N, C-alpha and C. Protein backbone atom coordinates (compact mmCIF):
# COMPACT_ATOMS: atom_id res chain seq x y z
N MET A 1 2.69 -2.20 -1.25
CA MET A 1 3.97 -2.83 -1.06
C MET A 1 4.73 -2.92 -2.38
N ALA A 2 4.01 -3.27 -3.45
CA ALA A 2 4.65 -3.38 -4.75
C ALA A 2 5.21 -2.04 -5.21
N GLU A 3 4.48 -0.95 -4.91
CA GLU A 3 4.96 0.38 -5.31
C GLU A 3 6.26 0.73 -4.58
N ILE A 4 6.34 0.40 -3.31
CA ILE A 4 7.55 0.68 -2.53
C ILE A 4 8.71 -0.14 -3.07
N MET A 5 8.47 -1.42 -3.33
CA MET A 5 9.55 -2.27 -3.83
C MET A 5 10.00 -1.83 -5.23
N ALA A 6 9.06 -1.39 -6.08
CA ALA A 6 9.42 -0.92 -7.41
C ALA A 6 10.25 0.36 -7.32
N ASP A 7 9.87 1.25 -6.42
CA ASP A 7 10.63 2.50 -6.23
C ASP A 7 12.06 2.20 -5.79
N VAL A 8 12.21 1.30 -4.84
CA VAL A 8 13.54 0.93 -4.35
C VAL A 8 14.34 0.24 -5.45
N ALA A 9 13.70 -0.66 -6.21
CA ALA A 9 14.40 -1.36 -7.29
C ALA A 9 14.87 -0.37 -8.36
N ALA A 10 14.00 0.58 -8.74
CA ALA A 10 14.38 1.58 -9.75
C ALA A 10 15.55 2.43 -9.25
N TYR A 11 15.50 2.82 -8.00
CA TYR A 11 16.59 3.61 -7.41
C TYR A 11 17.90 2.82 -7.45
N ASN A 12 17.84 1.56 -7.02
CA ASN A 12 19.06 0.74 -6.97
C ASN A 12 19.62 0.48 -8.37
N VAL A 13 18.75 0.25 -9.36
CA VAL A 13 19.22 0.05 -10.74
C VAL A 13 19.87 1.33 -11.25
N HIS A 14 19.24 2.47 -11.00
CA HIS A 14 19.80 3.75 -11.44
C HIS A 14 21.17 3.98 -10.81
N GLN A 15 21.28 3.73 -9.52
CA GLN A 15 22.57 3.92 -8.83
C GLN A 15 23.63 2.98 -9.38
N GLU A 16 23.24 1.76 -9.74
CA GLU A 16 24.17 0.81 -10.33
C GLU A 16 24.64 1.29 -11.71
N LEU A 17 23.70 1.81 -12.50
CA LEU A 17 24.05 2.28 -13.85
C LEU A 17 25.01 3.48 -13.82
N ILE A 18 24.83 4.37 -12.85
CA ILE A 18 25.72 5.53 -12.79
C ILE A 18 26.98 5.23 -11.97
N GLY A 19 27.02 4.05 -11.34
CA GLY A 19 28.21 3.61 -10.64
C GLY A 19 28.47 4.28 -9.30
N SER A 20 27.42 4.73 -8.64
CA SER A 20 27.61 5.43 -7.36
C SER A 20 27.85 4.47 -6.20
N GLY A 21 27.36 3.24 -6.31
CA GLY A 21 27.52 2.29 -5.22
C GLY A 21 26.50 2.45 -4.11
N LYS A 22 25.62 3.43 -4.21
CA LYS A 22 24.57 3.63 -3.20
C LYS A 22 23.44 2.64 -3.45
N THR A 23 22.83 2.18 -2.37
CA THR A 23 21.62 1.36 -2.46
C THR A 23 20.71 1.72 -1.29
N LYS A 24 19.44 1.39 -1.46
CA LYS A 24 18.52 1.52 -0.33
C LYS A 24 17.65 0.28 -0.26
N SER A 25 17.02 0.06 0.88
CA SER A 25 16.22 -1.12 1.13
C SER A 25 14.77 -0.72 1.40
N TYR A 26 13.87 -1.63 1.13
CA TYR A 26 12.46 -1.37 1.41
C TYR A 26 12.07 -1.77 2.83
N ILE A 27 12.95 -2.40 3.58
CA ILE A 27 12.63 -2.93 4.91
C ILE A 27 12.14 -1.83 5.85
N ASP A 28 12.77 -0.64 5.84
CA ASP A 28 12.33 0.42 6.76
C ASP A 28 11.02 1.05 6.33
N LYS A 29 10.54 0.77 5.12
CA LYS A 29 9.27 1.32 4.64
C LYS A 29 8.16 0.28 4.65
N ILE A 30 8.34 -0.79 5.38
CA ILE A 30 7.43 -1.92 5.29
C ILE A 30 6.15 -1.76 6.12
N SER A 31 5.91 -0.59 6.63
CA SER A 31 4.70 -0.33 7.41
C SER A 31 3.52 -0.16 6.44
N ILE A 32 2.61 -1.15 6.43
CA ILE A 32 1.48 -1.10 5.51
C ILE A 32 0.17 -1.33 6.25
N ILE A 33 -0.87 -0.78 5.70
CA ILE A 33 -2.23 -1.06 6.14
C ILE A 33 -3.05 -1.23 4.87
N CYS A 34 -3.76 -2.34 4.75
CA CYS A 34 -4.57 -2.52 3.55
C CYS A 34 -5.75 -3.44 3.84
N VAL A 35 -6.71 -3.39 2.95
CA VAL A 35 -7.83 -4.31 2.96
C VAL A 35 -7.73 -5.10 1.66
N MET A 36 -7.47 -6.39 1.78
CA MET A 36 -7.32 -7.25 0.60
C MET A 36 -8.67 -7.90 0.28
N ASP A 37 -9.18 -7.63 -0.91
CA ASP A 37 -10.47 -8.15 -1.35
C ASP A 37 -10.31 -9.59 -1.82
N SER A 38 -11.28 -10.43 -1.47
CA SER A 38 -11.25 -11.81 -1.93
C SER A 38 -12.52 -12.16 -2.71
N GLY A 39 -13.16 -11.16 -3.27
CA GLY A 39 -14.36 -11.41 -4.07
C GLY A 39 -15.64 -11.26 -3.28
N ASN A 40 -15.84 -12.09 -2.28
CA ASN A 40 -17.05 -12.00 -1.46
C ASN A 40 -16.74 -11.65 -0.01
N GLY A 41 -15.54 -11.27 0.26
CA GLY A 41 -15.11 -10.89 1.60
C GLY A 41 -13.79 -10.16 1.49
N ALA A 42 -13.14 -9.96 2.60
CA ALA A 42 -11.84 -9.29 2.58
C ALA A 42 -11.12 -9.56 3.89
N ALA A 43 -9.89 -9.08 3.97
CA ALA A 43 -9.12 -9.18 5.19
C ALA A 43 -8.41 -7.85 5.42
N TYR A 44 -8.46 -7.36 6.66
CA TYR A 44 -7.72 -6.17 7.05
C TYR A 44 -6.32 -6.64 7.45
N ILE A 45 -5.30 -6.02 6.87
CA ILE A 45 -3.93 -6.42 7.15
C ILE A 45 -3.12 -5.19 7.53
N SER A 46 -2.41 -5.29 8.63
CA SER A 46 -1.46 -4.23 9.00
C SER A 46 -0.14 -4.89 9.34
N ARG A 47 0.93 -4.22 8.97
CA ARG A 47 2.25 -4.79 9.21
C ARG A 47 3.27 -3.67 9.35
N ASN A 48 4.15 -3.81 10.32
CA ASN A 48 5.31 -2.94 10.42
C ASN A 48 6.50 -3.81 10.80
N THR A 49 7.61 -3.21 11.13
CA THR A 49 8.80 -4.01 11.41
C THR A 49 8.70 -4.78 12.72
N LYS A 50 7.71 -4.47 13.56
CA LYS A 50 7.58 -5.12 14.86
C LYS A 50 6.47 -6.16 14.94
N LYS A 51 5.35 -5.96 14.21
CA LYS A 51 4.25 -6.91 14.32
C LYS A 51 3.40 -6.93 13.06
N GLU A 52 2.64 -8.01 12.93
CA GLU A 52 1.71 -8.19 11.83
C GLU A 52 0.33 -8.50 12.40
N ARG A 53 -0.71 -8.10 11.66
CA ARG A 53 -2.08 -8.38 12.12
C ARG A 53 -2.95 -8.63 10.89
N MET A 54 -3.79 -9.66 10.95
CA MET A 54 -4.74 -9.93 9.88
C MET A 54 -6.09 -10.25 10.51
N ILE A 55 -7.10 -9.51 10.09
CA ILE A 55 -8.46 -9.72 10.60
C ILE A 55 -9.36 -10.01 9.41
N MET A 56 -10.00 -11.17 9.42
CA MET A 56 -10.91 -11.52 8.33
C MET A 56 -12.19 -10.71 8.43
N LEU A 57 -12.67 -10.21 7.30
CA LEU A 57 -13.89 -9.41 7.24
C LEU A 57 -14.83 -10.00 6.18
N PRO A 58 -15.54 -11.08 6.51
CA PRO A 58 -16.42 -11.67 5.50
C PRO A 58 -17.53 -10.71 5.10
N VAL A 59 -17.87 -10.67 3.86
CA VAL A 59 -18.90 -9.86 3.21
C VAL A 59 -18.68 -8.36 3.39
N ILE A 60 -18.67 -7.86 4.62
CA ILE A 60 -18.53 -6.42 4.84
C ILE A 60 -17.19 -5.89 4.33
N GLY A 61 -16.18 -6.73 4.38
CA GLY A 61 -14.87 -6.32 3.89
C GLY A 61 -14.88 -6.00 2.41
N HIS A 62 -15.66 -6.76 1.65
CA HIS A 62 -15.79 -6.50 0.22
C HIS A 62 -16.37 -5.10 -0.01
N TRP A 63 -17.37 -4.74 0.76
CA TRP A 63 -18.01 -3.42 0.60
C TRP A 63 -17.09 -2.31 1.10
N LEU A 64 -16.30 -2.58 2.12
CA LEU A 64 -15.30 -1.60 2.57
C LEU A 64 -14.28 -1.34 1.47
N LYS A 65 -13.86 -2.40 0.80
CA LYS A 65 -12.89 -2.27 -0.29
C LYS A 65 -13.49 -1.47 -1.44
N LYS A 66 -14.73 -1.72 -1.78
CA LYS A 66 -15.39 -0.95 -2.84
C LYS A 66 -15.51 0.52 -2.43
N GLY A 67 -15.82 0.78 -1.16
CA GLY A 67 -15.91 2.15 -0.66
C GLY A 67 -14.57 2.86 -0.74
N TRP A 68 -13.50 2.17 -0.38
CA TRP A 68 -12.16 2.75 -0.46
C TRP A 68 -11.81 3.08 -1.91
N GLY A 69 -12.14 2.17 -2.81
CA GLY A 69 -11.88 2.40 -4.23
C GLY A 69 -12.59 3.65 -4.73
N PHE A 70 -13.84 3.83 -4.31
CA PHE A 70 -14.61 5.02 -4.69
C PHE A 70 -13.94 6.28 -4.14
N TYR A 71 -13.58 6.24 -2.85
CA TYR A 71 -12.92 7.40 -2.23
C TYR A 71 -11.60 7.72 -2.92
N TYR A 72 -10.78 6.70 -3.14
CA TYR A 72 -9.45 6.91 -3.70
C TYR A 72 -9.55 7.53 -5.10
N LYS A 73 -10.38 6.94 -5.95
CA LYS A 73 -10.51 7.44 -7.31
C LYS A 73 -11.03 8.87 -7.34
N ASN A 74 -12.08 9.12 -6.58
CA ASN A 74 -12.69 10.45 -6.62
C ASN A 74 -11.85 11.51 -5.93
N SER A 75 -11.09 11.13 -4.91
CA SER A 75 -10.22 12.13 -4.27
C SER A 75 -9.02 12.44 -5.16
N LYS A 76 -8.52 11.45 -5.90
CA LYS A 76 -7.42 11.69 -6.84
C LYS A 76 -7.86 12.61 -7.97
N MET A 77 -9.12 12.48 -8.38
CA MET A 77 -9.64 13.32 -9.46
C MET A 77 -10.20 14.64 -8.94
N LYS A 78 -10.01 14.87 -7.65
CA LYS A 78 -10.42 16.10 -6.97
C LYS A 78 -11.93 16.36 -7.03
N ARG A 79 -12.70 15.29 -7.08
CA ARG A 79 -14.15 15.42 -7.01
C ARG A 79 -14.64 15.52 -5.58
N ILE A 80 -13.86 14.92 -4.64
CA ILE A 80 -14.16 15.02 -3.21
C ILE A 80 -12.88 15.35 -2.49
N PRO A 81 -12.96 15.98 -1.30
CA PRO A 81 -11.72 16.35 -0.59
C PRO A 81 -11.00 15.13 -0.03
N ARG A 82 -9.67 15.21 0.03
CA ARG A 82 -8.86 14.14 0.60
C ARG A 82 -8.90 14.23 2.12
N ILE A 83 -8.86 13.08 2.76
CA ILE A 83 -8.77 13.02 4.21
C ILE A 83 -7.30 13.29 4.57
N PRO A 84 -7.02 14.24 5.47
CA PRO A 84 -5.61 14.54 5.82
C PRO A 84 -4.87 13.29 6.28
N GLY A 85 -3.68 13.09 5.77
CA GLY A 85 -2.85 11.96 6.14
C GLY A 85 -3.11 10.72 5.29
N MET A 86 -4.04 10.77 4.38
CA MET A 86 -4.33 9.60 3.53
C MET A 86 -3.69 9.76 2.18
């Protein structure tokens, strides 16, 4: 979410500096899915413009988050193949 908001903010500042008057909003890009780690557990969160969902994942959520971190880092470094659409 922070990356989307930063992208929109940078775009809007740039447009203001060049005087184009164009702006864009992050509202239409608000569809997110994430697992938020809380140290010894986690929560699965999904949100779009129509609904929100949060499911608590005690203990196992922490390990899911660690697994995602391993996948993300290694797929970015091209050590393992990326899952299509991820």
